[in-house]
C-alpha cells in the first residue's frame, strides 16, 4: 500500500478519507489494496480508515486484534457492538465526506460491496459517503509495465493457441474426422496448460447458433460436430502461472470453407468497424491529453452497429477491465448494462469486444482486442488484430 499516493489522491478528489470495511473476507478490493491475508480465518468485522492527512486508524475486534497489524496507523480494539460504534464515530469525527466500496444505484456493481446496514451506520455519524470507484481504478486496477509484460507474454501463447486451433479444425475436416466443439475445446485447454497458462474456465468454441450465445460453454452433452460451411467463434483467456500475472483475452472468427461468404464477412466487418472506432477514440483522446470515460467508448462502438441497423443484436457492454482476474474491478467500456462514468486512466487495461448475435439466423459474431494505456498515455494493443474472417480450409 502506498499511503502517500492514496492521501494525495484523496486530496485531489476533495475527500476527507477512504474507509475500508470487511467481514469474512467479502471485500477482495480491500484485500488487494491493503494486502490483507485472506487465507487466515476471518470471523469479525474490521475497519481501516485512511484520512487525507494524518495517521490511518484501525478498528479491530478483541478476538482478532492482529487483523491489520501489517498496516501503519493507530489501533483501536472493540468488543461489544456499542464500543465498535463509539470508536468508529470517534475515528470519523473530523470527516465530512469519505469514500467506501459503494456505488449509487448499484451503477458499478464491481465496487458495490458495502452492505446497506454499514452504509446507514456511517451515514448516522453525519458523514457523506461517496463511491470509491475512481480510487479503486487508480490503486487496484493500475498496471505497471512489468504487469503489462506478463499480459504480453500470455498473449503470445494465446495467439499461438488460437492459430493452432483453427489449423486443427482444418486438418480434421480435411481428413474426414470432423471435430466437435468440445474436442477443439479440449485441444485448446491442453495446449494452454502445457504452455504454462492458468485460467478458471473457458475457452469458448462455438459453431453457428452456439456463436449467437455470448456465454456458450461447450460440454460433451451440448457439443456440435463441425462441418464445411460452419461459422466458428473462438474466445480464449488466460494468464501466466506466476503471482501478479495479468490476463489476456481475445475472440476470433473463422469459416469452414476455402472462402468466406459475402454476407458473413459483411456482418463481421460491421463489428470490426465498431471495434476500430472505439480504439481510435481512445488513441485520439489520449494523444490530445483529453479525459475519456468508459461509457463514451461504448457509445462510439455501439453507434457504428446501430447505424448498420443491428443495435438489437449487440446485447452486452463493449468491454471489461482486465487485471489479475479476467474481469477486473477497473473501468468497464459500458453504457448499456451500466453507465460507467469512471475515467480511463493511464495504467488501465481493458477489452474492446463488440458482438452481433443473430439467434434467428443461427449465427453470432464477436471480435475482441485488449487495449492498454501506458503511464505516458500511449495506447497499445498486443498481438495480432483480426481484420477478416479466417477461411479455415486454406490453413493446411
Protein backbone atom coordinates (compact mmCIF):
# COMPACT_ATOMS: atom_id res chain seq x y z
CA UNK A 1 0.00 0.00 0.00
CA UNK A 2 1.31 3.41 -0.98
CA UNK A 3 -0.09 5.59 1.81
CA UNK A 4 1.29 8.84 0.45
CA UNK A 5 -0.15 8.22 -3.01
CA UNK A 6 -3.57 7.37 -1.58
CA UNK A 7 -3.60 10.50 0.56
CA UNK A 8 -2.60 12.64 -2.42
CA UNK A 9 -5.43 11.11 -4.45
CA UNK A 10 -7.88 11.83 -1.63
CA UNK A 11 -6.81 15.47 -1.57
CA UNK A 12 -7.19 15.74 -5.34
CA UNK A 13 -10.70 14.30 -5.08
CA UNK A 14 -11.50 16.65 -2.17
CA UNK A 15 -12.31 13.73 0.12
CA UNK A 16 -11.60 13.58 3.84
CA UNK A 17 -10.70 9.91 3.72
CA UNK A 18 -11.20 6.37 2.46
CA UNK A 19 -12.91 3.95 4.84
CA UNK A 20 -12.24 0.25 4.25
CA UNK A 21 -14.50 -2.28 5.89
CA UNK A 22 -14.73 -6.05 5.68
CA UNK A 23 -16.41 -9.09 7.17
CA UNK A 24 -15.47 -12.70 6.36
CA UNK A 25 -13.15 -11.62 3.51
CA UNK A 26 -16.00 -10.34 1.36
CA UNK A 27 -14.16 -7.30 0.00
CA UNK A 28 -11.38 -8.54 -2.26
CA UNK A 29 -10.72 -4.99 -3.43
CA UNK A 30 -9.73 -4.04 0.12
CA UNK A 31 -7.74 -7.27 0.38
CA UNK A 32 -5.63 -6.44 -2.66
CA UNK A 33 -5.12 -2.73 -1.97
CA UNK A 34 -4.27 -3.30 1.69
CA UNK A 35 -2.50 -6.63 1.14
CA UNK A 36 -4.75 -8.44 3.63
CA UNK A 37 -4.11 -12.09 4.46
CA UNK A 38 -7.30 -13.72 3.16
CA UNK A 39 -6.00 -17.24 3.77
CA UNK A 40 -6.23 -16.73 7.51
CA UNK A 41 -9.62 -17.35 9.11
CA UNK A 42 -11.61 -14.12 9.47
CA UNK A 43 -14.77 -14.03 11.57
CA UNK A 44 -15.02 -10.46 12.90
CA UNK A 45 -15.57 -7.04 11.35
CA UNK A 46 -12.64 -4.68 10.88
CA UNK A 47 -12.30 -1.10 9.63
CA UNK A 48 -9.29 0.76 8.29
CA UNK A 49 -9.55 4.50 7.77
CA UNK A 50 -7.05 6.44 5.65
CA UNK A 51 -7.52 10.19 6.18
CA UNK A 52 -6.39 12.64 3.51
CA UNK A 53 -3.99 13.97 6.14
CA UNK A 54 -2.61 12.40 9.27
CA UNK A 55 -2.30 8.90 10.65
CA UNK A 56 -4.51 6.00 9.48
CA UNK A 57 -6.78 4.40 12.07
CA UNK A 58 -7.51 0.69 12.62
CA UNK A 59 -10.57 -0.73 14.33
CA UNK A 60 -10.40 -4.45 15.05
CA UNK A 61 -12.15 -6.98 17.27
CA UNK A 62 -10.59 -8.22 20.51
CA UNK A 63 -10.68 -11.82 19.24
CA UNK A 64 -8.76 -10.84 16.09
CA UNK A 65 -6.62 -7.88 17.20
CA UNK A 66 -3.88 -8.78 14.70
CA UNK A 67 -6.08 -8.27 11.66
CA UNK A 68 -4.48 -5.00 10.44
CA UNK A 69 -1.10 -5.22 12.19
CA UNK A 70 0.82 -5.09 8.90
CA UNK A 71 -0.66 -1.67 8.14
CA UNK A 72 0.51 1.69 9.50
CA UNK A 73 -1.65 3.62 11.94
CA UNK A 74 -3.13 3.69 15.41
CA UNK A 75 -5.01 0.59 16.55
CA UNK A 76 -8.34 0.60 18.38
CA UNK A 77 -9.88 -2.59 19.77
CA UNK A 78 -13.59 -3.18 20.37
CA UNK A 79 -15.63 -5.98 21.90
CA UNK A 80 -19.33 -5.08 22.30
CA UNK A 81 -21.09 -3.54 19.34
CA UNK A 82 -21.72 -0.35 21.30
CA UNK A 83 -17.98 0.09 21.69
CA UNK A 84 -17.47 -0.51 17.98
CA UNK A 85 -19.96 2.24 17.13
CA UNK A 86 -18.43 4.68 19.62
CA UNK A 87 -14.88 4.12 18.41
CA UNK A 88 -15.89 4.30 14.77
CA UNK A 89 -17.73 7.55 15.36
CA UNK A 90 -14.66 8.95 17.10
CA UNK A 91 -12.35 7.86 14.26
CA UNK A 92 -14.58 9.71 11.77
CA UNK A 93 -15.31 12.75 13.92
CA UNK A 94 -13.45 15.16 11.61
CA UNK A 95 -14.70 13.59 8.38
CA UNK A 96 -17.45 15.14 6.29
CA UNK A 97 -17.05 13.12 3.08
CA UNK A 98 -15.43 9.68 2.77
CA UNK A 99 -15.10 7.07 0.05
CA UNK A 100 -16.23 3.49 0.54
CA UNK A 101 -16.72 0.46 -1.72
CA UNK A 102 -20.21 1.66 -2.59
CA UNK A 103 -21.92 2.59 -5.85
CA UNK A 104 -25.02 4.81 -6.02
CA UNK A 105 -27.94 2.86 -7.50
CA UNK A 106 -25.52 -0.07 -7.87
CA UNK A 107 -24.39 1.51 -11.15
CA UNK A 108 -20.92 -0.09 -10.87
CA UNK A 109 -21.55 -3.47 -9.21
CA UNK A 110 -17.85 -4.33 -9.13
CA UNK A 111 -17.37 -1.81 -6.30
CA UNK A 112 -20.82 -2.11 -4.73
CA UNK A 113 -19.68 -4.18 -1.76
CA UNK A 114 -20.53 -2.33 1.48
CA UNK A 115 -23.85 -3.59 2.84
CA UNK A 116 -26.80 -1.26 3.38
CA UNK A 117 -26.63 -1.54 7.16
CA UNK A 118 -23.00 -0.43 7.33
CA UNK A 119 -23.79 2.39 4.92
CA UNK A 120 -26.61 3.51 7.26
CA UNK A 121 -24.32 3.30 10.29
CA UNK A 122 -21.66 5.57 8.76
CA UNK A 123 -24.33 7.98 7.50
CA UNK A 124 -25.74 8.17 11.03
CA UNK A 125 -22.48 9.83 12.10
CA UNK A 126 -23.22 12.73 9.76
CA UNK A 127 -20.70 11.53 7.17
CA UNK A 128 -21.40 11.71 3.45
CA UNK A 129 -20.38 8.53 1.62
CA UNK A 130 -19.22 8.60 -1.99
CA UNK A 131 -18.13 5.81 -4.28
CA UNK A 132 -14.51 4.69 -4.19
CA UNK A 133 -14.80 3.60 -7.85
CA UNK A 134 -12.22 6.05 -9.22
CA UNK A 135 -9.84 5.34 -6.36
CA UNK A 136 -10.20 1.61 -7.00
CA UNK A 137 -9.30 2.18 -10.65
CA UNK A 138 -6.18 4.03 -9.58
CA UNK A 139 -4.96 1.76 -6.79
CA UNK A 140 -6.38 -1.67 -7.58
CA UNK A 141 -6.50 -1.70 -11.37
CA UNK A 142 -3.40 0.29 -12.32
CA UNK A 143 -0.83 -1.91 -14.06
CA UNK A 144 2.91 -1.43 -14.09
CA UNK A 145 4.98 -2.11 -17.19
CA UNK A 146 6.05 -5.37 -15.54
CA UNK A 147 2.38 -6.30 -15.16
CA UNK A 148 1.80 -5.38 -18.77
CA UNK A 149 4.71 -7.54 -19.90
CA UNK A 150 3.10 -10.58 -18.27
CA UNK A 151 -0.03 -9.79 -20.30
CA UNK A 152 2.05 -9.58 -23.48
CA UNK A 153 3.75 -12.92 -22.76
CA UNK A 154 0.42 -14.64 -22.12
CA UNK A 155 -0.84 -13.09 -25.35
CA UNK A 156 1.94 -14.62 -27.43
CA UNK A 157 0.90 -18.06 -26.21
CA UNK A 158 -2.83 -17.48 -26.68
CA UNK A 159 -2.34 -16.15 -30.19
CA UNK A 160 -0.45 -19.37 -30.98
CA UNK A 161 -3.20 -21.49 -29.39
CA UNK A 162 -5.82 -19.70 -31.46
CA UNK A 163 -3.86 -20.27 -34.66
CA UNK A 164 -3.31 -23.95 -33.87
CA UNK A 165 -6.99 -24.43 -33.04
CA UNK A 166 -8.09 -23.17 -36.45
CA UNK A 167 -5.41 -25.33 -38.11
CA UNK A 168 -6.59 -28.35 -36.13
CA UNK A 169 -10.15 -27.80 -37.34
CA UNK A 170 -8.83 -27.67 -40.90
CA UNK A 171 -6.73 -30.83 -40.51
CA UNK A 172 -9.60 -32.82 -39.04
CA UNK A 173 -12.19 -31.65 -41.57
CA UNK A 174 -9.89 -32.46 -44.49
CA UNK A 175 -9.10 -35.89 -43.07
CA UNK A 176 -12.82 -36.69 -42.71
CA UNK A 177 -12.54 -36.78 -38.91
CA UNK A 178 -14.85 -33.84 -38.28
CA UNK A 179 -14.27 -32.49 -34.73
CA UNK A 180 -16.86 -31.36 -32.24
CA UNK A 181 -16.72 -28.03 -30.44
CA UNK A 182 -15.80 -29.89 -27.27
CA UNK A 183 -12.91 -31.72 -28.93
CA UNK A 184 -11.40 -28.44 -30.10
CA UNK A 185 -12.03 -27.03 -26.62
CA UNK A 186 -10.03 -29.94 -25.15
CA UNK A 187 -7.28 -29.42 -27.74
CA UNK A 188 -7.00 -25.76 -26.72
CA UNK A 189 -7.11 -26.44 -22.98
CA UNK A 190 -4.29 -28.98 -23.25
CA UNK A 191 -2.19 -26.60 -25.34
CA UNK A 192 -2.77 -23.71 -22.94
CA UNK A 193 -1.87 -25.75 -19.87
CA UNK A 194 1.18 -27.34 -21.47
CA UNK A 195 2.47 -23.82 -22.19
CA UNK A 196 2.22 -22.68 -18.58
CA UNK A 197 -1.07 -20.78 -18.63
CA UNK A 198 -3.77 -20.80 -15.95
CA UNK A 199 -7.46 -19.92 -16.24
CA UNK A 200 -10.59 -20.53 -14.21
CA UNK A 201 -12.88 -21.53 -17.08
CA UNK A 202 -13.19 -21.47 -20.87
CA UNK A 203 -12.22 -21.29 -23.63
CA UNK A 204 -15.32 -20.90 -25.80
CA UNK A 205 -15.57 -22.84 -29.05
CA UNK A 206 -18.93 -22.08 -30.64
CA UNK A 207 -20.38 -23.02 -34.01
CA UNK A 208 -23.34 -21.39 -35.80
CA UNK A 209 -26.27 -20.98 -33.33
CA UNK A 210 -23.94 -21.54 -30.39
CA UNK A 211 -21.96 -18.48 -31.52
CA UNK A 212 -25.19 -16.50 -31.08
CA UNK A 213 -24.94 -17.20 -27.31
CA UNK A 214 -22.29 -14.79 -25.89
CA UNK A 215 -21.50 -17.11 -22.96
CA UNK A 216 -21.89 -20.51 -24.59
CA UNK A 217 -19.83 -23.22 -22.87
CA UNK A 218 -19.11 -26.42 -24.82
CA UNK A 219 -19.72 -29.68 -22.96
CA UNK A 220 -19.82 -33.32 -24.08
CA UNK A 221 -23.62 -33.10 -23.91
CA UNK A 222 -24.29 -29.91 -25.90
CA UNK A 223 -21.48 -30.07 -28.44
CA UNK A 224 -21.99 -29.77 -32.21
CA UNK A 225 -19.91 -31.64 -34.77
CA UNK A 226 -18.30 -29.20 -37.19
CA UNK A 227 -18.77 -29.42 -40.94
CA UNK A 228 -17.95 -27.45 -44.05
CA UNK A 229 -19.99 -24.24 -44.23
CA UNK A 230 -19.99 -23.65 -40.46
CA UNK A 231 -19.16 -20.35 -38.78
CA UNK A 232 -16.76 -20.77 -35.83
CA UNK A 233 -16.19 -18.39 -32.90
CA UNK A 234 -13.21 -18.93 -30.58
CA UNK A 235 -12.84 -16.91 -27.36
CA UNK A 236 -9.87 -17.65 -25.10
CA UNK A 237 -8.41 -16.05 -21.98
CA UNK A 238 -5.62 -16.98 -19.58
CA UNK A 239 -2.57 -15.67 -17.74
CA UNK A 240 0.91 -16.86 -16.85
CA UNK A 241 1.16 -19.17 -13.86
CA UNK A 242 3.06 -16.58 -11.83
CA UNK A 243 1.95 -14.34 -8.93
CA UNK A 244 0.61 -10.99 -10.11
CA UNK A 245 0.21 -12.01 -13.75
CA UNK A 246 -2.35 -10.24 -15.91
CA UNK A 247 -4.92 -11.92 -18.14
CA UNK A 248 -5.02 -11.79 -21.92
CA UNK A 249 -8.43 -12.19 -23.61
CA UNK A 250 -9.24 -12.39 -27.35
CA UNK A 251 -12.00 -13.56 -29.68
CA UNK A 252 -11.54 -14.59 -33.32
CA UNK A 253 -13.87 -15.81 -36.07
CA UNK A 254 -13.40 -18.44 -38.77
CA UNK A 255 -15.50 -20.05 -41.51
CA UNK A 256 -15.07 -23.69 -42.52
CA UNK A 257 -14.51 -23.23 -46.22
CA UNK A 258 -11.90 -22.06 -48.70
CA UNK A 259 -13.60 -18.68 -48.97
CA UNK A 260 -15.91 -16.68 -46.73
CA UNK A 261 -19.44 -15.85 -47.98
CA UNK A 262 -20.07 -12.15 -48.51
CA UNK A 263 -22.95 -11.95 -46.04
CA UNK A 264 -20.78 -13.45 -43.30
CA UNK A 265 -17.86 -11.13 -43.99
CA UNK A 266 -20.13 -8.08 -44.19
CA UNK A 267 -21.55 -8.61 -40.72
CA UNK A 268 -18.09 -9.25 -39.29
CA UNK A 269 -16.87 -6.00 -40.84
CA UNK A 270 -19.60 -4.08 -39.01
CA UNK A 271 -18.38 -5.47 -35.68
CA UNK A 272 -14.77 -4.79 -36.71
CA UNK A 273 -15.58 -1.19 -37.62
CA UNK A 274 -17.21 -0.70 -34.23
CA UNK A 275 -14.09 -2.13 -32.57
CA UNK A 276 -11.76 0.09 -34.56
CA UNK A 277 -13.88 3.19 -33.98
CA UNK A 278 -13.66 2.61 -30.23
CA UNK A 279 -9.89 2.05 -30.38
CA UNK A 280 -9.39 5.19 -32.47
CA UNK A 281 -11.35 7.25 -29.95
CA UNK A 282 -9.09 6.04 -27.14
CA UNK A 283 -5.98 6.84 -29.16
CA UNK A 284 -7.26 10.28 -30.17
CA UNK A 285 -8.25 11.37 -26.66
CA UNK A 286 -5.00 10.24 -25.04
CA UNK A 287 -2.88 11.78 -27.80
CA UNK A 288 -4.57 15.09 -27.03
CA UNK A 289 -4.43 14.66 -23.26
CA UNK A 290 -8.23 14.82 -23.06
CA UNK A 291 -10.35 12.93 -20.49
CA UNK A 292 -12.19 9.81 -21.58
CA UNK A 293 -14.87 7.81 -19.79
CA UNK A 294 -15.84 4.17 -20.18
CA UNK A 295 -19.35 4.98 -21.35
CA UNK A 296 -18.03 7.18 -24.16
CA UNK A 297 -16.03 4.34 -25.70
CA UNK A 298 -19.07 2.07 -25.53
CA UNK A 299 -21.15 4.73 -27.30
CA UNK A 300 -18.57 5.14 -30.06
CA UNK A 301 -18.55 1.42 -30.79
CA UNK A 302 -22.30 0.89 -30.35
CA UNK A 303 -23.19 3.77 -32.66
CA UNK A 304 -21.44 2.06 -35.57
CA UNK A 305 -23.50 -1.07 -35.06
CA UNK A 306 -26.65 0.99 -34.51
CA UNK A 307 -26.14 2.84 -37.78
CA UNK A 308 -25.90 -0.53 -39.53
CA UNK A 309 -29.34 -1.39 -38.14
CA UNK A 310 -28.03 -4.15 -35.86
CA UNK A 311 -28.18 -2.50 -32.43
CA UNK A 312 -30.75 -5.00 -31.13
CA UNK A 313 -28.22 -7.79 -31.67
CA UNK A 314 -25.41 -6.17 -29.66
CA UNK A 315 -26.55 -7.37 -26.26
CA UNK A 316 -23.62 -6.72 -23.92
CA UNK A 317 -21.21 -3.93 -23.00
CA UNK A 318 -18.36 -3.19 -25.37
CA UNK A 319 -15.62 -4.24 -22.96
CA UNK A 320 -14.43 -5.01 -19.45
CA UNK A 321 -11.46 -4.17 -17.29
CA UNK A 322 -8.61 -6.70 -17.28
CA UNK A 323 -6.26 -7.42 -14.39
CA UNK A 324 -5.27 -10.40 -12.28
CA UNK A 325 -8.84 -11.51 -12.92
CA UNK A 326 -10.10 -11.61 -16.49
CA UNK A 327 -12.93 -9.30 -15.41
CA UNK A 328 -11.16 -6.77 -13.23
CA UNK A 329 -12.51 -4.05 -10.95
CA UNK A 330 -11.42 -1.06 -13.01
CA UNK A 331 -13.36 0.91 -15.59
CA UNK A 332 -15.55 -1.05 -17.99
CA UNK A 333 -16.44 0.02 -21.53
CA UNK A 334 -20.14 0.24 -20.85
CA UNK A 335 -23.14 2.43 -21.44
CA UNK A 336 -25.63 -0.42 -21.80
CA UNK A 337 -25.62 -2.65 -18.73
CA UNK A 338 -24.42 0.29 -16.62
CA UNK A 339 -23.25 3.79 -17.37
CA UNK A 340 -19.61 3.59 -16.38
CA UNK A 341 -18.69 7.19 -15.60
CA UNK A 342 -15.18 6.35 -14.41
CA UNK A 343 -12.24 7.89 -16.18
CA UNK A 344 -10.00 5.65 -18.24
CA UNK A 345 -6.67 6.33 -16.56
CA UNK A 346 -3.08 5.56 -17.58
CA UNK A 347 -2.11 2.07 -16.47
CA UNK A 348 -5.51 0.67 -17.44
CA UNK A 349 -6.09 -2.50 -19.48
CA UNK A 350 -9.48 -3.34 -20.95
CA UNK A 351 -11.10 -5.32 -23.73
CA UNK A 352 -12.97 -3.93 -26.72
CA UNK A 353 -15.26 -6.71 -27.96
CA UNK A 354 -18.37 -5.81 -29.92
CA UNK A 355 -20.68 -8.69 -30.74
CA UNK A 356 -23.62 -9.24 -33.07
CA UNK A 357 -25.78 -12.21 -32.04
CA UNK A 358 -28.47 -13.19 -34.53
CA UNK A 359 -30.30 -16.13 -32.98
CA UNK A 360 -32.96 -16.14 -35.71
CA UNK A 361 -30.20 -16.62 -38.29
CA UNK A 362 -28.35 -19.15 -36.09
CA UNK A 363 -25.10 -17.17 -36.27
CA UNK A 364 -23.16 -14.89 -33.97
CA UNK A 365 -20.11 -12.67 -34.33
CA UNK A 366 -17.57 -11.15 -31.93
CA UNK A 367 -14.14 -9.60 -32.35
CA UNK A 368 -12.02 -8.82 -29.28
CA UNK A 369 -8.79 -6.99 -28.59
CA UNK A 370 -7.10 -5.89 -25.36
CA UNK A 371 -6.15 -2.22 -25.01
CA UNK A 372 -3.53 -0.93 -22.58
CA UNK A 373 -2.81 2.72 -21.81
CA UNK A 374 0.72 3.29 -20.54
CA UNK A 375 1.58 5.78 -17.80
CA UNK A 376 2.79 8.08 -20.59
CA UNK A 377 -0.59 7.89 -22.33
CA UNK A 378 0.46 5.63 -25.19
CA UNK A 379 -2.29 3.28 -26.34
CA UNK A 380 -1.07 -0.26 -27.03
CA UNK A 381 -2.68 -3.42 -28.42
CA UNK A 382 -0.55 -6.54 -28.07
CA UNK A 383 -0.72 -9.28 -30.67
CA UNK A 384 -2.47 -9.73 -34.00
CA UNK A 385 -5.77 -7.95 -34.64
CA UNK A 386 -8.32 -9.76 -36.80
CA UNK A 387 -9.23 -7.89 -40.00
CA UNK A 388 -11.26 -10.54 -41.87
CA UNK A 389 -12.97 -13.83 -41.08
CA UNK A 390 -10.48 -16.70 -41.50
CA UNK A 391 -11.25 -19.16 -44.34
CA UNK A 392 -10.30 -22.20 -42.28
CA UNK A 393 -9.84 -24.71 -45.10
CA UNK A 394 -6.98 -22.64 -46.54
CA UNK A 395 -4.81 -23.20 -43.44
CA UNK A 396 -3.31 -26.57 -44.33
